[in-house]
Amino acid sequence: MTTPVKRTGMIGLGAMGLQMARHMAKKGFEVSGFDVSAEVMSKAKANDIATLGSSAEVGQKAEVVVIMVATGEQVEEVITGSLLGKLAPGSVICIASSVSPELCQRMDKLAAEKGCGVLDTPVVLGQEAADNGQLVIYTGGDEKWVERARPALESFGRVMHLGGVGTGQIAKTINNLLLWSCMCANYEALTFAKKIGADIPKLIAALGEGSGANWSLSRWGKSTGKWAEKDMDVALEMAQDAKMPMPLSGLVDQMVKSINQEKMKALLS
């Protein structure tokens, strides 16, 4: 019988990663972490996270490691340059960053050679859900690795196992395409409504009761939107590889570059 996981690690302790690590610590896991920012490391230490000097040191200590860094290049560097040389067989790498399914599949093959597993575990519902430990975790990978990592993952959210490695990233990408499309439509519609004299807060409340209701509209002004450009690039690269025309998504890609939290909040005043 496999011994339950007690030691977890977090690589990338930014706004989302710190909260995920904090919830693991609150659930009784021995959590170690690393980030390139000294300021962020200080915050982590104040939240009962053992801060270590490198990703490799985290890999040497943890049985389940969650990665929440900015880019696919950083994910690959952390895994191939640090973790795979230090993790014990039976350990699990959870890629929470939004990256391509293909990258996750390549990392899984490399990890398998070391007797380790890889799951893609991107999260949705944003910062508020991370703060409250209520993220939804789109998960792809072998069932045995999902079950090994599940207690750690469920400390900060709800696991939805969608299939093999890469399927979590596919779900996150499609979720985001729909979210950004709604966000752009909301921005255009609310800008028009304000131009012709509508009280926007009252209008949003009313629209929430109608068939045009959507998650982005219900949280208007709370989202920063700052992650959209990077994740949109991942989505469009996937479409290019699949030789799939995405005319609406191409337009949304251009529109999200001009929308930010300040502009969204301005519509409410």
Protein backbone atom coordinates (compact mmCIF):
# COMPACT_ATOMS: atom_id res chain seq x y z
CA MET A 1 0.00 0.00 0.00
CA THR A 2 1.37 3.43 -0.97
CA THR A 3 2.20 5.73 1.94
CA PRO A 4 0.06 8.90 1.86
CA VAL A 5 1.83 12.05 0.72
CA LYS A 6 2.97 14.28 3.58
CA ARG A 7 5.55 16.54 1.93
CA THR A 8 4.57 18.91 -0.88
CA GLY A 9 6.35 21.66 -2.75
CA MET A 10 5.40 24.84 -4.59
CA ILE A 11 7.55 26.39 -7.29
CA GLY A 12 6.30 29.88 -8.06
CA LEU A 13 4.91 31.68 -5.02
CA GLY A 14 3.19 34.61 -6.69
CA ALA A 15 -0.39 35.70 -6.04
CA MET A 16 -1.90 32.32 -6.97
CA GLY A 17 0.95 30.01 -5.98
CA LEU A 18 1.29 31.48 -2.50
CA GLN A 19 -2.37 30.87 -1.75
CA MET A 20 -2.22 27.31 -3.06
CA ALA A 21 0.81 26.62 -0.87
CA ARG A 22 -0.83 28.30 2.12
CA HIS A 23 -3.88 26.05 1.87
CA MET A 24 -1.69 22.94 1.64
CA ALA A 25 0.07 24.02 4.83
CA LYS A 26 -3.26 24.66 6.56
CA LYS A 27 -4.32 21.11 5.70
CA GLY A 28 -1.28 19.73 7.50
CA PHE A 29 1.16 19.13 4.64
CA GLU A 30 4.82 19.92 5.13
CA VAL A 31 5.16 22.52 2.37
CA SER A 32 8.43 23.78 0.95
CA GLY A 33 8.64 26.45 -1.71
CA PHE A 34 10.85 28.47 -4.00
CA ASP A 35 10.48 31.69 -5.97
CA VAL A 36 13.02 33.97 -7.61
CA SER A 37 11.56 36.96 -5.71
CA ALA A 38 12.97 37.57 -2.22
CA GLU A 39 9.87 39.59 -1.31
CA VAL A 40 7.57 36.73 -2.27
CA MET A 41 9.74 34.24 -0.37
CA SER A 42 9.38 36.40 2.74
CA LYS A 43 5.57 36.31 2.42
CA ALA A 44 5.67 32.55 2.00
CA LYS A 45 7.74 32.09 5.14
CA ALA A 46 5.15 34.10 7.07
CA ASN A 47 2.53 31.57 5.91
CA ASP A 48 4.24 28.46 7.34
CA ILE A 49 5.96 27.53 4.08
CA ALA A 50 9.56 26.36 4.35
CA THR A 51 11.43 28.52 1.85
CA LEU A 52 14.35 26.79 0.16
CA GLY A 53 17.21 28.03 -1.99
CA SER A 54 16.26 26.47 -5.32
CA SER A 55 13.72 24.39 -7.23
CA ALA A 56 16.12 21.46 -6.95
CA GLU A 57 16.01 21.66 -3.15
CA VAL A 58 12.21 21.59 -3.27
CA GLY A 59 12.38 18.49 -5.48
CA GLN A 60 14.75 16.81 -3.06
CA LYS A 61 12.27 17.25 -0.21
CA ALA A 62 8.76 16.99 -1.71
CA GLU A 63 6.67 14.03 -2.86
CA VAL A 64 4.21 16.19 -4.84
CA VAL A 65 5.46 19.40 -6.46
CA VAL A 66 3.10 22.00 -7.91
CA ILE A 67 4.57 24.37 -10.51
CA MET A 68 2.97 27.80 -10.97
CA VAL A 69 5.40 29.87 -13.04
CA ALA A 70 4.79 32.29 -15.90
CA THR A 71 5.76 30.49 -19.11
CA GLY A 72 6.19 27.11 -20.73
CA GLU A 73 9.92 27.76 -21.02
CA GLN A 74 10.13 28.24 -17.26
CA VAL A 75 8.11 25.07 -16.64
CA GLU A 76 10.47 23.04 -18.82
CA GLU A 77 13.54 24.57 -17.19
CA VAL A 78 12.24 23.79 -13.68
CA ILE A 79 11.42 20.19 -14.56
CA THR A 80 14.41 19.23 -16.69
CA GLY A 81 16.97 21.45 -15.00
CA SER A 82 15.99 20.91 -11.37
CA LEU A 83 13.24 18.48 -10.42
CA LEU A 84 13.95 15.31 -12.41
CA GLY A 85 17.44 15.02 -11.00
CA LYS A 86 16.20 15.25 -7.41
CA LEU A 87 12.69 13.73 -7.11
CA ALA A 88 12.39 10.26 -5.65
CA PRO A 89 10.58 7.58 -7.69
CA GLY A 90 6.84 7.76 -7.04
CA SER A 91 6.83 11.54 -6.85
CA VAL A 92 4.34 13.62 -8.85
CA ILE A 93 4.87 16.89 -10.73
CA CYS A 94 1.71 18.99 -11.12
CA ILE A 95 1.91 21.64 -13.86
CA ALA A 96 -0.53 24.35 -12.79
CA SER A 97 0.82 26.96 -15.21
CA SER A 98 -1.15 27.48 -18.43
CA VAL A 99 1.04 25.86 -21.08
CA SER A 100 0.61 23.66 -24.15
CA PRO A 101 -0.62 20.06 -23.83
CA GLU A 102 2.37 18.98 -25.91
CA LEU A 103 4.82 20.35 -23.32
CA CYS A 104 3.05 18.44 -20.55
CA GLN A 105 3.16 15.24 -22.59
CA ARG A 106 6.89 15.63 -23.24
CA MET A 107 7.56 16.23 -19.55
CA ASP A 108 5.48 13.17 -18.66
CA LYS A 109 7.65 10.94 -20.86
CA LEU A 110 10.82 12.27 -19.26
CA ALA A 111 9.41 11.84 -15.76
CA ALA A 112 8.32 8.27 -16.50
CA GLU A 113 11.95 7.36 -17.13
CA LYS A 114 12.65 8.38 -13.52
CA GLY A 115 9.65 6.53 -12.11
CA CYS A 116 7.75 9.79 -11.52
CA GLY A 117 4.44 11.09 -12.82
CA VAL A 118 3.29 14.34 -14.41
CA LEU A 119 -0.18 15.82 -14.19
CA ASP A 120 -1.35 18.97 -15.90
CA THR A 121 -3.40 20.80 -13.27
CA PRO A 122 -4.28 24.31 -14.50
CA VAL A 123 -6.76 26.14 -12.29
CA VAL A 124 -9.75 28.38 -12.98
CA LEU A 125 -12.01 30.88 -11.18
CA GLY A 126 -9.29 33.39 -10.37
CA GLN A 127 -7.68 35.04 -7.38
CA GLU A 128 -10.71 35.09 -5.10
CA ALA A 129 -11.13 31.33 -5.47
CA ALA A 130 -7.40 30.84 -4.81
CA ASP A 131 -7.63 32.95 -1.66
CA ASN A 132 -10.60 30.88 -0.44
CA GLY A 133 -9.24 27.47 -1.45
CA GLN A 134 -12.07 27.00 -3.94
CA LEU A 135 -10.28 26.69 -7.28
CA VAL A 136 -11.41 24.22 -9.92
CA ILE A 137 -8.44 22.12 -11.00
CA TYR A 138 -8.66 20.77 -14.56
CA THR A 139 -6.54 17.64 -14.34
CA GLY A 140 -4.96 15.45 -16.99
CA GLY A 141 -2.84 12.35 -16.38
CA ASP A 142 -2.73 8.73 -15.31
CA GLU A 143 -5.28 7.77 -12.65
CA LYS A 144 -2.63 6.46 -10.25
CA TRP A 145 -0.81 9.80 -10.23
CA VAL A 146 -4.08 11.70 -9.88
CA GLU A 147 -4.97 9.68 -6.79
CA ARG A 148 -1.48 10.11 -5.34
CA ALA A 149 -1.64 13.89 -5.71
CA ARG A 150 -5.36 14.32 -5.02
CA PRO A 151 -5.19 15.04 -1.25
CA ALA A 152 -2.66 17.82 -1.83
CA LEU A 153 -4.58 19.30 -4.76
CA GLU A 154 -7.90 19.14 -2.94
CA SER A 155 -6.48 21.30 -0.16
CA PHE A 156 -6.90 24.30 -2.47
CA GLY A 157 -9.67 23.25 -4.85
CA ARG A 158 -11.82 20.65 -6.57
CA VAL A 159 -10.13 18.14 -8.88
CA MET A 160 -11.83 17.37 -12.20
CA HIS A 161 -10.01 14.50 -13.93
CA LEU A 162 -10.57 14.84 -17.67
CA GLY A 163 -8.34 12.17 -19.19
CA GLY A 164 -4.70 11.70 -20.14
CA VAL A 165 -1.86 14.18 -19.83
CA GLY A 166 -2.71 17.39 -21.69
CA THR A 167 -6.48 17.24 -21.28
CA GLY A 168 -6.39 19.62 -18.33
CA GLN A 169 -4.61 22.21 -20.46
CA ILE A 170 -7.13 21.72 -23.27
CA ALA A 171 -9.99 22.38 -20.83
CA LYS A 172 -8.26 25.50 -19.45
CA THR A 173 -7.66 26.82 -22.96
CA ILE A 174 -11.28 26.34 -24.04
CA ASN A 175 -12.53 27.83 -20.77
CA ASN A 176 -10.36 30.88 -21.35
CA LEU A 177 -11.40 31.31 -24.97
CA LEU A 178 -15.03 31.45 -23.83
CA LEU A 179 -14.18 33.76 -20.92
CA TRP A 180 -12.26 36.23 -23.07
CA SER A 181 -14.94 36.22 -25.75
CA CYS A 182 -17.52 37.08 -23.09
CA MET A 183 -15.25 39.71 -21.57
CA CYS A 184 -14.77 41.46 -24.92
CA ALA A 185 -18.49 41.28 -25.73
CA ASN A 186 -19.30 42.65 -22.27
CA TYR A 187 -16.86 45.53 -22.67
CA GLU A 188 -18.22 46.52 -26.06
CA ALA A 189 -21.86 46.21 -24.96
CA LEU A 190 -21.37 48.12 -21.69
CA THR A 191 -19.40 50.87 -23.43
CA PHE A 192 -22.30 51.25 -25.88
CA ALA A 193 -24.84 51.19 -23.03
CA LYS A 194 -23.00 53.90 -21.13
CA LYS A 195 -22.74 56.02 -24.29
CA ILE A 196 -26.53 56.02 -24.70
CA GLY A 197 -27.25 56.80 -21.05
CA ALA A 198 -27.56 53.55 -19.06
CA ASP A 199 -26.74 53.27 -15.35
CA ILE A 200 -24.13 50.53 -15.70
CA PRO A 201 -24.24 48.98 -12.19
CA LYS A 202 -28.05 48.76 -12.40
CA LEU A 203 -27.82 47.39 -15.93
CA ILE A 204 -25.32 44.68 -14.90
CA ALA A 205 -27.64 43.62 -12.07
CA ALA A 206 -30.53 43.40 -14.52
CA LEU A 207 -28.51 41.52 -17.14
CA GLY A 208 -27.56 39.00 -14.48
CA GLU A 209 -31.20 37.93 -14.44
CA GLY A 210 -31.44 37.57 -18.21
CA SER A 211 -30.24 35.25 -20.95
CA GLY A 212 -27.13 37.39 -21.54
CA ALA A 213 -25.78 36.63 -18.04
CA ASN A 214 -22.19 35.34 -17.85
CA TRP A 215 -19.45 34.87 -15.24
CA SER A 216 -17.30 37.75 -16.50
CA LEU A 217 -20.24 40.14 -16.32
CA SER A 218 -21.12 39.04 -12.77
CA ARG A 219 -17.61 40.01 -11.64
CA TRP A 220 -17.19 43.11 -13.78
CA GLY A 221 -14.24 45.23 -12.65
CA LYS A 222 -12.71 42.54 -10.41
CA SER A 223 -10.62 40.78 -13.04
CA THR A 224 -7.26 42.26 -13.99
CA GLY A 225 -7.19 40.58 -17.39
CA LYS A 226 -3.39 40.82 -17.28
CA TRP A 227 -2.91 37.08 -17.96
CA ALA A 228 -5.08 37.03 -21.06
CA GLU A 229 -2.45 37.94 -23.67
CA LYS A 230 -0.01 35.17 -22.70
CA ASP A 231 -2.68 32.49 -22.44
CA MET A 232 -4.27 33.66 -25.70
CA ASP A 233 -0.93 33.10 -27.42
CA VAL A 234 -0.95 29.49 -26.18
CA ALA A 235 -4.50 28.99 -27.48
CA LEU A 236 -3.78 30.40 -30.93
CA GLU A 237 -0.56 28.39 -31.24
CA MET A 238 -2.58 25.26 -30.49
CA ALA A 239 -5.11 26.24 -33.16
CA GLN A 240 -2.29 26.85 -35.64
CA ASP A 241 -0.80 23.41 -34.92
CA ALA A 242 -4.24 21.84 -35.42
CA LYS A 243 -4.71 23.79 -38.68
CA MET A 244 -7.98 25.09 -37.27
CA PRO A 245 -9.27 28.50 -38.41
CA MET A 246 -10.32 30.62 -35.41
CA PRO A 247 -11.54 33.97 -36.82
CA LEU A 248 -13.50 35.03 -33.73
CA SER A 249 -10.63 34.14 -31.41
CA GLY A 250 -8.26 36.13 -33.61
CA LEU A 251 -10.45 39.19 -33.15
CA VAL A 252 -10.73 38.57 -29.40
CA ASP A 253 -6.92 38.33 -29.26
CA GLN A 254 -6.70 41.86 -30.65
CA MET A 255 -9.42 43.21 -28.37
CA VAL A 256 -8.03 41.86 -25.08
CA LYS A 257 -4.86 43.84 -25.69
CA SER A 258 -6.85 47.05 -25.22
CA ILE A 259 -8.90 46.01 -22.17
CA ASN A 260 -7.63 46.28 -18.61
CA GLN A 261 -9.06 46.48 -15.11
CA GLU A 262 -8.91 50.28 -15.03
CA LYS A 263 -11.02 50.52 -18.19
CA MET A 264 -13.51 47.96 -16.90
CA LYS A 265 -13.90 49.79 -13.59
CA ALA A 266 -14.31 53.12 -15.41
CA LEU A 267 -17.52 51.88 -16.98
CA LEU A 268 -19.03 51.47 -13.50
CA SER A 269 -18.60 55.13 -12.52
